[in-house]
Amino acid sequence: MLEQLRARADVNRPGPDGLTPLMLAAGRGEFHLSQLLLTAGASVHAIEPRMGATALHKAVQAGNPDVVALLLDHGAFVDQQTPILGNTPLMDAVLHKQQAVVERLLQRGARMTIVSHWGQTALDMARADGLAGIIRCLEAQQQANADAVARLKLVAAVKAGDSREVERLLAANYPVDEQVPMIGSVDDNYTPLGIAAREGHVDIARLLLNAGADPRRLIGLMGGMALHDATYFGHATIVRLLTQKTVRPDAPAAGLQVQGAYNGYSALHDAVWHGYLDVAQALVEAGAYLDQKSHTGLTPQGLALLYGYDELAAFLAEAERK
């Protein structure tokens, strides 16, 4: 293998069975060989053509938690589901009775709420197979997740729209930027400010910003900012609040020009996407770029024309002329 790599062989070339060298090495629990292949440029994101498994799925079946950690360190998706079965690596670790790997995946943030195409979670699978040790492990993590969320008092107050409780907690120097852990809930990775922006709690958003909440913090599964949630859900007043509150007076509003990794949409694209004229106006007033293109090659005006939002398209056309 080393000689082939030195001869610059294609490290990602699959064999007749569709398995790449990294899948084979990981599937045999070979740490050093996997490390060598990764150093040579092997892709952790390649999938085999029959079931859609990755090297990480193969590694958990082999039961070597060190190989699992190695692949995760190189960017493997901890919760990637196979297209045929819908299995995550955690599910495969349960099915192959690899408790040490189950523990390692949970330590690395694997979600327990995901459901396979058979309609089962990893815990459902463990219970169906009577795997006592793995059941205890998963149930302990489930309880730890619930306890972690219960400790987030400011998040709970913001979700409830309880401005008095928010004010009380902030006065007591409660952490203003606490973040919900990634456990498979709708609030995953959200900060209190992100939730206030999403839910349209204007007064609470103002309280949080005045207390020093950071609008640059990445929130949610999309890795956006509070501005993106306020835009997506049509809260123009909060959009204006966020675009006025900058880290430096001469700096652009946090997230104003950022384009999403999934579709290339900017905040202005999002406003147009959902037909929010008032939000689009607030973003343009704040200096949003009018010529940014999405992954499908559309500017915000082009998106407005695509969806037949004539008033929005006219507004953006006029903004471009100014």
C-alpha atoms as a PDB file:
ATOM      1  CA  MET A   1       0.000   0.000   0.000  1.00  0.00           C
ATOM      2  CA  LEU A   2       2.783   2.422   0.929  1.00  0.00           C
ATOM      3  CA  GLU A   3       4.526   1.832  -2.392  1.00  0.00           C
ATOM      4  CA  GLN A   4       1.294   2.462  -4.283  1.00  0.00           C
ATOM      5  CA  LEU A   5       0.734   5.714  -2.419  1.00  0.00           C
ATOM      6  CA  ARG A   6       4.268   6.817  -3.169  1.00  0.00           C
ATOM      7  CA  ALA A   7       3.550   6.078  -6.818  1.00  0.00           C
ATOM      8  CA  ARG A   8       0.580   8.450  -6.487  1.00  0.00           C
ATOM      9  CA  ALA A   9      -2.084   5.841  -6.961  1.00  0.00           C
ATOM     10  CA  ASP A  10      -5.650   7.151  -6.766  1.00  0.00           C
ATOM     11  CA  VAL A  11      -6.357   6.814  -3.066  1.00  0.00           C
ATOM     12  CA  ASN A  12     -10.112   7.099  -3.601  1.00  0.00           C
ATOM     13  CA  ARG A  13     -10.445   4.574  -6.392  1.00  0.00           C
ATOM     14  CA  PRO A  14     -13.018   1.946  -5.376  1.00  0.00           C
ATOM     15  CA  GLY A  15     -12.599  -1.757  -5.976  1.00  0.00           C
ATOM     16  CA  PRO A  16     -15.018  -3.963  -7.918  1.00  0.00           C
ATOM     17  CA  ASP A  17     -17.326  -4.076  -4.889  1.00  0.00           C
ATOM     18  CA  GLY A  18     -17.490  -0.287  -4.735  1.00  0.00           C
ATOM     19  CA  LEU A  19     -15.492  -0.052  -1.506  1.00  0.00           C
ATOM     20  CA  THR A  20     -12.690   2.489  -1.313  1.00  0.00           C
ATOM     21  CA  PRO A  21      -9.368   1.627   0.369  1.00  0.00           C
ATOM     22  CA  LEU A  22     -10.397   3.739   3.374  1.00  0.00           C
ATOM     23  CA  MET A  23     -13.662   1.837   3.742  1.00  0.00           C
ATOM     24  CA  LEU A  24     -11.745  -1.430   3.733  1.00  0.00           C
ATOM     25  CA  ALA A  25      -9.158  -0.228   6.239  1.00  0.00           C
ATOM     26  CA  ALA A  26     -11.794   1.272   8.530  1.00  0.00           C
ATOM     27  CA  GLY A  27     -13.959  -1.837   8.206  1.00  0.00           C
ATOM     28  CA  ARG A  28     -11.058  -3.932   9.462  1.00  0.00           C
ATOM     29  CA  GLY A  29     -10.391  -1.591  12.360  1.00  0.00           C
ATOM     30  CA  GLU A  30      -6.948  -0.685  11.002  1.00  0.00           C
ATOM     31  CA  PHE A  31      -6.047   2.621  12.658  1.00  0.00           C
ATOM     32  CA  HIS A  32      -2.600   3.257  11.195  1.00  0.00           C
ATOM     33  CA  LEU A  33      -3.586   2.236   7.673  1.00  0.00           C
ATOM     34  CA  SER A  34      -6.645   4.452   7.872  1.00  0.00           C
ATOM     35  CA  GLN A  35      -4.466   7.299   9.115  1.00  0.00           C
ATOM     36  CA  LEU A  36      -2.043   6.783   6.228  1.00  0.00           C
ATOM     37  CA  LEU A  37      -4.863   6.846   3.686  1.00  0.00           C
ATOM     38  CA  LEU A  38      -6.367   9.989   5.197  1.00  0.00           C
ATOM     39  CA  THR A  39      -2.978  11.697   5.108  1.00  0.00           C
ATOM     40  CA  ALA A  40      -2.746  10.784   1.423  1.00  0.00           C
ATOM     41  CA  GLY A  41      -6.104  12.444   0.735  1.00  0.00           C
ATOM     42  CA  ALA A  42      -8.676   9.681   1.153  1.00  0.00           C
ATOM     43  CA  SER A  43     -12.218  11.069   1.348  1.00  0.00           C
ATOM     44  CA  VAL A  44     -14.288  10.339   4.441  1.00  0.00           C
ATOM     45  CA  HIS A  45     -17.390  11.408   2.508  1.00  0.00           C
ATOM     46  CA  ALA A  46     -17.279   8.758  -0.212  1.00  0.00           C
ATOM     47  CA  ILE A  47     -20.199   6.297  -0.182  1.00  0.00           C
ATOM     48  CA  GLU A  48     -20.331   2.795  -1.572  1.00  0.00           C
ATOM     49  CA  PRO A  49     -22.901   2.260  -4.353  1.00  0.00           C
ATOM     50  CA  ARG A  50     -25.063  -0.552  -3.010  1.00  0.00           C
ATOM     51  CA  MET A  51     -26.187   0.574   0.443  1.00  0.00           C
ATOM     52  CA  GLY A  52     -24.708   4.071   0.611  1.00  0.00           C
ATOM     53  CA  ALA A  53     -22.453   3.392   3.594  1.00  0.00           C
ATOM     54  CA  THR A  54     -19.395   5.487   4.401  1.00  0.00           C
ATOM     55  CA  ALA A  55     -16.049   4.604   5.933  1.00  0.00           C
ATOM     56  CA  LEU A  56     -17.508   5.622   9.310  1.00  0.00           C
ATOM     57  CA  HIS A  57     -20.322   3.082   8.986  1.00  0.00           C
ATOM     58  CA  LYS A  58     -17.688   0.441   8.247  1.00  0.00           C
ATOM     59  CA  ALA A  59     -15.537   1.538  11.192  1.00  0.00           C
ATOM     60  CA  VAL A  60     -18.332   1.234  13.743  1.00  0.00           C
ATOM     61  CA  GLN A  61     -19.086  -2.264  12.518  1.00  0.00           C
ATOM     62  CA  ALA A  62     -15.449  -3.187  13.161  1.00  0.00           C
ATOM     63  CA  GLY A  63     -15.708  -1.898  16.717  1.00  0.00           C
ATOM     64  CA  ASN A  64     -12.543   0.208  16.948  1.00  0.00           C
ATOM     65  CA  PRO A  65     -13.432   3.498  18.691  1.00  0.00           C
ATOM     66  CA  ASP A  66     -10.035   4.981  17.803  1.00  0.00           C
ATOM     67  CA  VAL A  67     -10.707   4.584  14.073  1.00  0.00           C
ATOM     68  CA  VAL A  68     -14.141   6.105  14.610  1.00  0.00           C
ATOM     69  CA  ALA A  69     -12.580   9.119  16.327  1.00  0.00           C
ATOM     70  CA  LEU A  70      -9.967   9.412  13.574  1.00  0.00           C
ATOM     71  CA  LEU A  71     -12.614   9.594  10.870  1.00  0.00           C
ATOM     72  CA  LEU A  72     -14.641  12.134  12.825  1.00  0.00           C
ATOM     73  CA  ASP A  73     -11.525  14.238  13.301  1.00  0.00           C
ATOM     74  CA  HIS A  74     -11.166  14.273   9.507  1.00  0.00           C
ATOM     75  CA  GLY A  75     -14.690  15.546   8.917  1.00  0.00           C
ATOM     76  CA  ALA A  76     -16.897  12.459   8.760  1.00  0.00           C
ATOM     77  CA  PHE A  77     -20.555  13.257   9.508  1.00  0.00           C
ATOM     78  CA  VAL A  78     -21.420  11.652  12.824  1.00  0.00           C
ATOM     79  CA  ASP A  79     -25.129  11.338  11.995  1.00  0.00           C
ATOM     80  CA  GLN A  80     -25.002  10.494   8.279  1.00  0.00           C
ATOM     81  CA  GLN A  81     -27.831   8.151   7.326  1.00  0.00           C
ATOM     82  CA  THR A  82     -27.495   5.505   4.661  1.00  0.00           C
ATOM     83  CA  PRO A  83     -30.039   6.002   1.850  1.00  0.00           C
ATOM     84  CA  ILE A  84     -31.315   2.415   1.785  1.00  0.00           C
ATOM     85  CA  LEU A  85     -31.728   1.634   5.489  1.00  0.00           C
ATOM     86  CA  GLY A  86     -31.573   5.119   6.986  1.00  0.00           C
ATOM     87  CA  ASN A  87     -28.999   3.904   9.511  1.00  0.00           C
ATOM     88  CA  THR A  88     -26.678   6.304  11.282  1.00  0.00           C
ATOM     89  CA  PRO A  89     -23.271   5.139  12.551  1.00  0.00           C
ATOM     90  CA  LEU A  90     -24.784   5.027  16.054  1.00  0.00           C
ATOM     91  CA  MET A  91     -27.484   2.651  14.850  1.00  0.00           C
ATOM     92  CA  ASP A  92     -24.908   0.436  13.170  1.00  0.00           C
ATOM     93  CA  ALA A  93     -22.837   0.395  16.361  1.00  0.00           C
ATOM     94  CA  VAL A  94     -25.923  -0.815  18.244  1.00  0.00           C
ATOM     95  CA  LEU A  95     -26.821  -3.421  15.642  1.00  0.00           C
ATOM     96  CA  HIS A  96     -23.263  -4.774  15.695  1.00  0.00           C
ATOM     97  CA  LYS A  97     -23.223  -4.759  19.516  1.00  0.00           C
ATOM     98  CA  GLN A  98     -20.212  -2.445  19.756  1.00  0.00           C
ATOM     99  CA  GLN A  99     -20.740  -0.737  23.115  1.00  0.00           C
ATOM    100  CA  ALA A 100     -17.351   1.024  23.198  1.00  0.00           C
ATOM    101  CA  VAL A 101     -18.154   2.594  19.833  1.00  0.00           C
ATOM    102  CA  VAL A 102     -21.638   3.579  21.004  1.00  0.00           C
ATOM    103  CA  GLU A 103     -20.015   5.403  23.914  1.00  0.00           C
ATOM    104  CA  ARG A 104     -17.474   7.116  21.666  1.00  0.00           C
ATOM    105  CA  LEU A 105     -20.139   8.279  19.212  1.00  0.00           C
ATOM    106  CA  LEU A 106     -22.261   9.688  22.019  1.00  0.00           C
ATOM    107  CA  GLN A 107     -19.217  11.524  23.356  1.00  0.00           C
ATOM    108  CA  ARG A 108     -18.790  13.037  19.898  1.00  0.00           C
ATOM    109  CA  GLY A 109     -22.363  14.302  19.695  1.00  0.00           C
ATOM    110  CA  ALA A 110     -24.285  11.548  17.904  1.00  0.00           C
ATOM    111  CA  ARG A 111     -28.014  12.241  18.130  1.00  0.00           C
ATOM    112  CA  MET A 112     -30.371   9.670  19.602  1.00  0.00           C
ATOM    113  CA  THR A 113     -33.598  11.078  18.152  1.00  0.00           C
ATOM    114  CA  ILE A 114     -32.944  10.138  14.516  1.00  0.00           C
ATOM    115  CA  VAL A 115     -35.235   7.452  13.104  1.00  0.00           C
ATOM    116  CA  SER A 116     -34.208   4.861  10.519  1.00  0.00           C
ATOM    117  CA  HIS A 117     -36.333   3.933   7.506  1.00  0.00           C
ATOM    118  CA  TRP A 118     -37.643   1.091   9.672  1.00  0.00           C
ATOM    119  CA  GLY A 119     -39.024   3.690  12.092  1.00  0.00           C
ATOM    120  CA  GLN A 120     -36.554   2.899  14.882  1.00  0.00           C
ATOM    121  CA  THR A 121     -34.141   4.976  16.925  1.00  0.00           C
ATOM    122  CA  ALA A 122     -30.842   3.544  18.159  1.00  0.00           C
ATOM    123  CA  LEU A 123     -32.453   2.956  21.568  1.00  0.00           C
ATOM    124  CA  ASP A 124     -35.375   1.144  19.950  1.00  0.00           C
ATOM    125  CA  MET A 125     -32.883  -1.150  18.217  1.00  0.00           C
ATOM    126  CA  ALA A 126     -30.999  -1.849  21.443  1.00  0.00           C
ATOM    127  CA  ARG A 127     -34.203  -2.684  23.287  1.00  0.00           C
ATOM    128  CA  ALA A 128     -35.424  -4.931  20.483  1.00  0.00           C
ATOM    129  CA  ASP A 129     -32.164  -6.897  20.685  1.00  0.00           C
ATOM    130  CA  GLY A 130     -32.042  -6.976  24.496  1.00  0.00           C
ATOM    131  CA  LEU A 131     -28.607  -5.318  24.681  1.00  0.00           C
ATOM    132  CA  ALA A 132     -28.596  -4.441  28.381  1.00  0.00           C
ATOM    133  CA  GLY A 133     -25.242  -2.634  28.477  1.00  0.00           C
ATOM    134  CA  ILE A 134     -25.946  -0.538  25.423  1.00  0.00           C
ATOM    135  CA  ILE A 135     -29.483   0.219  26.659  1.00  0.00           C
ATOM    136  CA  ARG A 136     -28.045   1.562  29.945  1.00  0.00           C
ATOM    137  CA  CYS A 137     -25.531   3.643  27.996  1.00  0.00           C
ATOM    138  CA  LEU A 138     -28.169   5.168  25.709  1.00  0.00           C
ATOM    139  CA  GLU A 139     -30.673   5.782  28.504  1.00  0.00           C
ATOM    140  CA  ALA A 140     -27.976   7.508  30.570  1.00  0.00           C
ATOM    141  CA  GLN A 141     -27.208   9.805  27.638  1.00  0.00           C
ATOM    142  CA  GLN A 142     -30.901  10.476  27.122  1.00  0.00           C
ATOM    143  CA  GLN A 143     -31.207  11.551  30.749  1.00  0.00           C
ATOM    144  CA  ALA A 144     -28.030  13.628  30.547  1.00  0.00           C
ATOM    145  CA  ASN A 145     -29.445  15.438  27.512  1.00  0.00           C
ATOM    146  CA  ALA A 146     -32.697  16.178  29.345  1.00  0.00           C
ATOM    147  CA  ASP A 147     -30.780  17.428  32.393  1.00  0.00           C
ATOM    148  CA  ALA A 148     -28.598  19.673  30.224  1.00  0.00           C
ATOM    149  CA  VAL A 149     -31.641  21.314  28.634  1.00  0.00           C
ATOM    150  CA  ALA A 150     -33.339  21.722  32.032  1.00  0.00           C
ATOM    151  CA  ARG A 151     -30.351  23.742  33.256  1.00  0.00           C
ATOM    152  CA  LEU A 152     -30.807  26.325  30.480  1.00  0.00           C
ATOM    153  CA  LYS A 153     -32.992  28.753  32.419  1.00  0.00           C
ATOM    154  CA  LEU A 154     -32.560  31.712  30.083  1.00  0.00           C
ATOM    155  CA  VAL A 155     -33.422  29.621  27.047  1.00  0.00           C
ATOM    156  CA  ALA A 156     -36.594  28.425  28.786  1.00  0.00           C
ATOM    157  CA  ALA A 157     -37.598  31.983  29.679  1.00  0.00           C
ATOM    158  CA  VAL A 158     -37.034  33.215  26.125  1.00  0.00           C
ATOM    159  CA  LYS A 159     -39.004  30.324  24.635  1.00  0.00           C
ATOM    160  CA  ALA A 160     -41.881  31.128  26.988  1.00  0.00           C
ATOM    161  CA  GLY A 161     -41.738  34.794  26.004  1.00  0.00           C
ATOM    162  CA  ASP A 162     -41.322  35.699  29.683  1.00  0.00           C
ATOM    163  CA  SER A 163     -39.560  39.069  29.528  1.00  0.00           C
ATOM    164  CA  ARG A 164     -39.720  39.560  33.316  1.00  0.00           C
ATOM    165  CA  GLU A 165     -37.890  36.298  33.940  1.00  0.00           C
ATOM    166  CA  VAL A 166     -35.374  37.144  31.220  1.00  0.00           C
ATOM    167  CA  GLU A 167     -34.759  40.510  32.885  1.00  0.00           C
ATOM    168  CA  ARG A 168     -34.377  38.863  36.297  1.00  0.00           C
ATOM    169  CA  LEU A 169     -31.863  36.307  35.026  1.00  0.00           C
ATOM    170  CA  LEU A 170     -29.843  38.930  33.202  1.00  0.00           C
ATOM    171  CA  ALA A 171     -29.754  41.102  36.319  1.00  0.00           C
ATOM    172  CA  ALA A 172     -28.370  38.075  38.172  1.00  0.00           C
ATOM    173  CA  ASN A 173     -25.573  37.837  35.564  1.00  0.00           C
ATOM    174  CA  TYR A 174     -26.908  34.643  34.027  1.00  0.00           C
ATOM    175  CA  PRO A 175     -24.857  33.639  30.921  1.00  0.00           C
ATOM    176  CA  VAL A 176     -26.426  35.587  28.062  1.00  0.00           C
ATOM    177  CA  ASP A 177     -25.056  33.399  25.270  1.00  0.00           C
ATOM    178  CA  GLU A 178     -25.749  29.929  26.670  1.00  0.00           C
ATOM    179  CA  GLN A 179     -26.319  27.421  23.888  1.00  0.00           C
ATOM    180  CA  VAL A 180     -28.619  24.425  23.550  1.00  0.00           C
ATOM    181  CA  PRO A 181     -26.636  21.197  23.014  1.00  0.00           C
ATOM    182  CA  MET A 182     -26.970  19.226  19.789  1.00  0.00           C
ATOM    183  CA  ILE A 183     -29.338  16.496  20.936  1.00  0.00           C
ATOM    184  CA  GLY A 184     -31.852  16.294  18.108  1.00  0.00           C
ATOM    185  CA  SER A 185     -34.334  18.980  19.153  1.00  0.00           C
ATOM    186  CA  VAL A 186     -35.688  21.971  17.210  1.00  0.00           C
ATOM    187  CA  ASP A 187     -33.569  24.199  19.462  1.00  0.00           C
ATOM    188  CA  ASP A 188     -30.253  22.467  18.753  1.00  0.00           C
ATOM    189  CA  ASN A 189     -27.349  24.932  18.926  1.00  0.00           C
ATOM    190  CA  TYR A 190     -29.604  27.946  19.504  1.00  0.00           C
ATOM    191  CA  THR A 191     -28.698  30.828  21.798  1.00  0.00           C
ATOM    192  CA  PRO A 192     -31.329  32.861  23.674  1.00  0.00           C
ATOM    193  CA  LEU A 193     -30.930  35.647  21.106  1.00  0.00           C
ATOM    194  CA  GLY A 194     -31.386  33.168  18.261  1.00  0.00           C
ATOM    195  CA  ILE A 195     -34.607  31.885  19.819  1.00  0.00           C
ATOM    196  CA  ALA A 196     -35.901  35.408  20.423  1.00  0.00           C
ATOM    197  CA  ALA A 197     -35.173  36.252  16.773  1.00  0.00           C
ATOM    198  CA  ARG A 198     -36.891  33.077  15.574  1.00  0.00           C
ATOM    199  CA  GLU A 199     -39.979  33.535  17.747  1.00  0.00           C
ATOM    200  CA  GLY A 200     -40.335  37.280  17.166  1.00  0.00           C
ATOM    201  CA  HIS A 201     -39.849  38.354  20.800  1.00  0.00           C
ATOM    202  CA  VAL A 202     -38.774  41.940  20.114  1.00  0.00           C
ATOM    203  CA  ASP A 203     -38.577  43.192  23.708  1.00  0.00           C
ATOM    204  CA  ILE A 204     -36.615  40.129  24.782  1.00  0.00           C
ATOM    205  CA  ALA A 205     -34.221  40.469  21.851  1.00  0.00           C
ATOM    206  CA  ARG A 206     -33.610  44.079  22.896  1.00  0.00           C
ATOM    207  CA  LEU A 207     -32.960  43.018  26.504  1.00  0.00           C
ATOM    208  CA  LEU A 208     -30.491  40.375  25.393  1.00  0.00           C
ATOM    209  CA  LEU A 209     -28.613  42.713  23.068  1.00  0.00           C
ATOM    210  CA  ASN A 210     -28.386  45.371  25.761  1.00  0.00           C
ATOM    211  CA  ALA A 211     -26.985  42.715  28.104  1.00  0.00           C
ATOM    212  CA  GLY A 212     -24.240  41.916  25.599  1.00  0.00           C
ATOM    213  CA  ALA A 213     -25.668  38.992  23.612  1.00  0.00           C
ATOM    214  CA  ASP A 214     -23.451  38.349  20.603  1.00  0.00           C
ATOM    215  CA  PRO A 215     -25.374  38.486  17.285  1.00  0.00           C
ATOM    216  CA  ARG A 216     -22.422  36.803  15.549  1.00  0.00           C
ATOM    217  CA  ARG A 217     -22.913  33.482  17.335  1.00  0.00           C
ATOM    218  CA  LEU A 218     -23.717  30.610  14.984  1.00  0.00           C
ATOM    219  CA  ILE A 219     -27.062  28.988  15.717  1.00  0.00           C
ATOM    220  CA  GLY A 220     -29.168  26.064  14.565  1.00  0.00           C
ATOM    221  CA  LEU A 221     -28.382  23.271  12.139  1.00  0.00           C
ATOM    222  CA  MET A 222     -27.786  25.670   9.251  1.00  0.00           C
ATOM    223  CA  GLY A 223     -25.058  27.551  11.115  1.00  0.00           C
ATOM    224  CA  GLY A 224     -26.689  30.922  10.530  1.00  0.00           C
ATOM    225  CA  MET A 225     -27.015  33.863  12.907  1.00  0.00           C
ATOM    226  CA  ALA A 226     -29.892  35.533  14.707  1.00  0.00           C
ATOM    227  CA  LEU A 227     -30.392  37.837  11.714  1.00  0.00           C
ATOM    228  CA  HIS A 228     -31.073  34.870   9.442  1.00  0.00           C
ATOM    229  CA  ASP A 229     -33.766  33.484  11.736  1.00  0.00           C
ATOM    230  CA  ALA A 230     -35.420  36.873  12.142  1.00  0.00           C
ATOM    231  CA  THR A 231     -35.420  37.178   8.356  1.00  0.00           C
ATOM    232  CA  TYR A 232     -36.603  33.634   7.628  1.00  0.00           C
ATOM    233  CA  PHE A 233     -39.590  33.991   9.956  1.00  0.00           C
ATOM    234  CA  GLY A 234     -40.477  37.502   8.828  1.00  0.00           C
ATOM    235  CA  HIS A 235     -39.739  39.607  11.927  1.00  0.00           C
ATOM    236  CA  ALA A 236     -38.862  42.966  10.375  1.00  0.00           C
ATOM    237  CA  THR A 237     -38.611  44.817  13.692  1.00  0.00           C
ATOM    238  CA  ILE A 238     -36.007  42.376  14.987  1.00  0.00           C
ATOM    239  CA  VAL A 239     -34.153  42.553  11.665  1.00  0.00           C
ATOM    240  CA  ARG A 240     -33.895  46.321  12.129  1.00  0.00           C
ATOM    241  CA  LEU A 241     -32.817  45.864  15.734  1.00  0.00           C
ATOM    242  CA  LEU A 242     -30.067  43.434  14.741  1.00  0.00           C
ATOM    243  CA  THR A 243     -28.812  45.466  11.812  1.00  0.00           C
ATOM    244  CA  GLN A 244     -28.473  48.502  14.066  1.00  0.00           C
ATOM    245  CA  LYS A 245     -26.572  46.574  16.743  1.00  0.00           C
ATOM    246  CA  THR A 246     -23.061  46.005  15.390  1.00  0.00           C
ATOM    247  CA  VAL A 247     -19.813  44.982  17.032  1.00  0.00           C
ATOM    248  CA  ARG A 248     -18.178  48.163  15.718  1.00  0.00           C
ATOM    249  CA  PRO A 249     -20.018  51.274  14.509  1.00  0.00           C
ATOM    250  CA  ASP A 250     -18.273  50.987  11.135  1.00  0.00           C
ATOM    251  CA  ALA A 251     -18.821  47.226  10.762  1.00  0.00           C
ATOM    252  CA  PRO A 252     -21.633  45.647   8.723  1.00  0.00           C
ATOM    253  CA  ALA A 253     -24.417  43.944  10.662  1.00  0.00           C
ATOM    254  CA  ALA A 254     -23.531  40.419  11.718  1.00  0.00           C
ATOM    255  CA  GLY A 255     -24.490  37.987   8.967  1.00  0.00           C
ATOM    256  CA  LEU A 256     -25.846  40.578   6.549  1.00  0.00           C
ATOM    257  CA  GLN A 257     -23.773  39.386   3.570  1.00  0.00           C
ATOM    258  CA  VAL A 258     -23.299  35.742   4.632  1.00  0.00           C
ATOM    259  CA  GLN A 259     -24.586  33.139   2.162  1.00  0.00           C
ATOM    260  CA  GLY A 260     -25.900  29.816   3.379  1.00  0.00           C
ATOM    261  CA  ALA A 261     -23.919  26.675   2.644  1.00  0.00           C
ATOM    262  CA  TYR A 262     -27.013  24.710   1.609  1.00  0.00           C
ATOM    263  CA  ASN A 263     -28.481  26.946  -1.091  1.00  0.00           C
ATOM    264  CA  GLY A 264     -26.277  30.016  -1.240  1.00  0.00           C
ATOM    265  CA  TYR A 265     -29.066  32.261  -0.007  1.00  0.00           C
ATOM    266  CA  SER A 266     -28.209  35.499   1.770  1.00  0.00           C
ATOM    267  CA  ALA A 267     -30.566  37.045   4.322  1.00  0.00           C
ATOM    268  CA  LEU A 268     -32.041  39.135   1.497  1.00  0.00           C
ATOM    269  CA  HIS A 269     -32.634  35.985  -0.556  1.00  0.00           C
ATOM    270  CA  ASP A 270     -34.475  34.501   2.434  1.00  0.00           C
ATOM    271  CA  ALA A 271     -36.674  37.573   2.760  1.00  0.00           C
ATOM    272  CA  VAL A 272     -37.578  37.374  -0.933  1.00  0.00           C
ATOM    273  CA  TRP A 273     -38.052  33.600  -0.800  1.00  0.00           C
ATOM    274  CA  HIS A 274     -40.891  34.006   1.692  1.00  0.00           C
ATOM    275  CA  GLY A 275     -42.301  37.198   0.193  1.00  0.00           C
ATOM    276  CA  TYR A 276     -41.463  39.528   3.096  1.00  0.00           C
ATOM    277  CA  LEU A 277     -41.349  43.013   1.579  1.00  0.00           C
ATOM    278  CA  ASP A 278     -40.911  44.793   4.921  1.00  0.00           C
ATOM    279  CA  VAL A 279     -37.980  42.538   5.842  1.00  0.00           C
ATOM    280  CA  ALA A 280     -36.352  43.057   2.451  1.00  0.00           C
ATOM    281  CA  GLN A 281     -36.685  46.813   2.899  1.00  0.00           C
ATOM    282  CA  ALA A 282     -35.003  46.629   6.306  1.00  0.00           C
ATOM    283  CA  LEU A 283     -32.123  44.579   4.898  1.00  0.00           C
ATOM    284  CA  VAL A 284     -31.575  46.874   1.933  1.00  0.00           C
ATOM    285  CA  GLU A 285     -31.601  49.883   4.261  1.00  0.00           C
ATOM    286  CA  ALA A 286     -28.891  48.134   6.295  1.00  0.00           C
ATOM    287  CA  GLY A 287     -26.714  47.686   3.206  1.00  0.00           C
ATOM    288  CA  ALA A 288     -27.475  44.154   2.005  1.00  0.00           C
ATOM    289  CA  TYR A 289     -25.849  43.355  -1.332  1.00  0.00           C
ATOM    290  CA  LEU A 290     -28.297  43.232  -4.208  1.00  0.00           C
ATOM    291  CA  ASP A 291     -26.102  41.276  -6.622  1.00  0.00           C
ATOM    292  CA  GLN A 292     -25.253  38.169  -4.602  1.00  0.00           C
ATOM    293  CA  LYS A 293     -26.172  34.976  -6.453  1.00  0.00           C
ATOM    294  CA  SER A 294     -27.537  31.776  -4.975  1.00  0.00           C
ATOM    295  CA  HIS A 295     -26.261  28.335  -5.922  1.00  0.00           C
ATOM    296  CA  THR A 296     -28.870  28.348  -8.690  1.00  0.00           C
ATOM    297  CA  GLY A 297     -27.462  31.624 -10.018  1.00  0.00           C
ATOM    298  CA  LEU A 298     -30.284  33.904  -8.880  1.00  0.00           C
ATOM    299  CA  THR A 299     -29.971  37.342  -7.324  1.00  0.00           C
ATOM    300  CA  PRO A 300     -32.672  38.394  -4.836  1.00  0.00           C
ATOM    301  CA  GLN A 301     -34.435  40.229  -7.683  1.00  0.00           C
ATOM    302  CA  GLY A 302     -34.219  37.139  -9.879  1.00  0.00           C
ATOM    303  CA  LEU A 303     -35.753  35.083  -7.088  1.00  0.00           C
ATOM    304  CA  ALA A 304     -38.584  37.594  -6.739  1.00  0.00           C
ATOM    305  CA  LEU A 305     -39.292  37.354 -10.466  1.00  0.00           C
ATOM    306  CA  LEU A 306     -39.185  33.542 -10.317  1.00  0.00           C
ATOM    307  CA  TYR A 307     -41.878  33.438  -7.613  1.00  0.00           C
ATOM    308  CA  GLY A 308     -43.974  36.199  -9.132  1.00  0.00           C
ATOM    309  CA  TYR A 309     -43.467  38.679  -6.295  1.00  0.00           C
ATOM    310  CA  ASP A 310     -43.965  41.743  -8.477  1.00  0.00           C
ATOM    311  CA  GLU A 311     -43.878  44.313  -5.684  1.00  0.00           C
ATOM    312  CA  LEU A 312     -40.674  42.864  -4.268  1.00  0.00           C
ATOM    313  CA  ALA A 313     -39.057  42.690  -7.705  1.00  0.00           C
ATOM    314  CA  ALA A 314     -39.981  46.320  -8.387  1.00  0.00           C
ATOM    315  CA  PHE A 315     -38.585  47.416  -5.020  1.00  0.00           C
ATOM    316  CA  LEU A 316     -35.278  45.623  -5.660  1.00  0.00           C
ATOM    317  CA  ALA A 317     -35.027  46.994  -9.179  1.00  0.00           C
ATOM    318  CA  GLU A 318     -35.508  50.507  -7.833  1.00  0.00           C
ATOM    319  CA  ALA A 319     -32.919  49.855  -5.096  1.00  0.00           C
ATOM    320  CA  GLU A 320     -30.387  48.800  -7.740  1.00  0.00           C
ATOM    321  CA  ARG A 321     -30.922  52.081  -9.618  1.00  0.00           C
ATOM    322  CA  LYS A 322     -30.120  54.172  -6.563  1.00  0.00           C
END
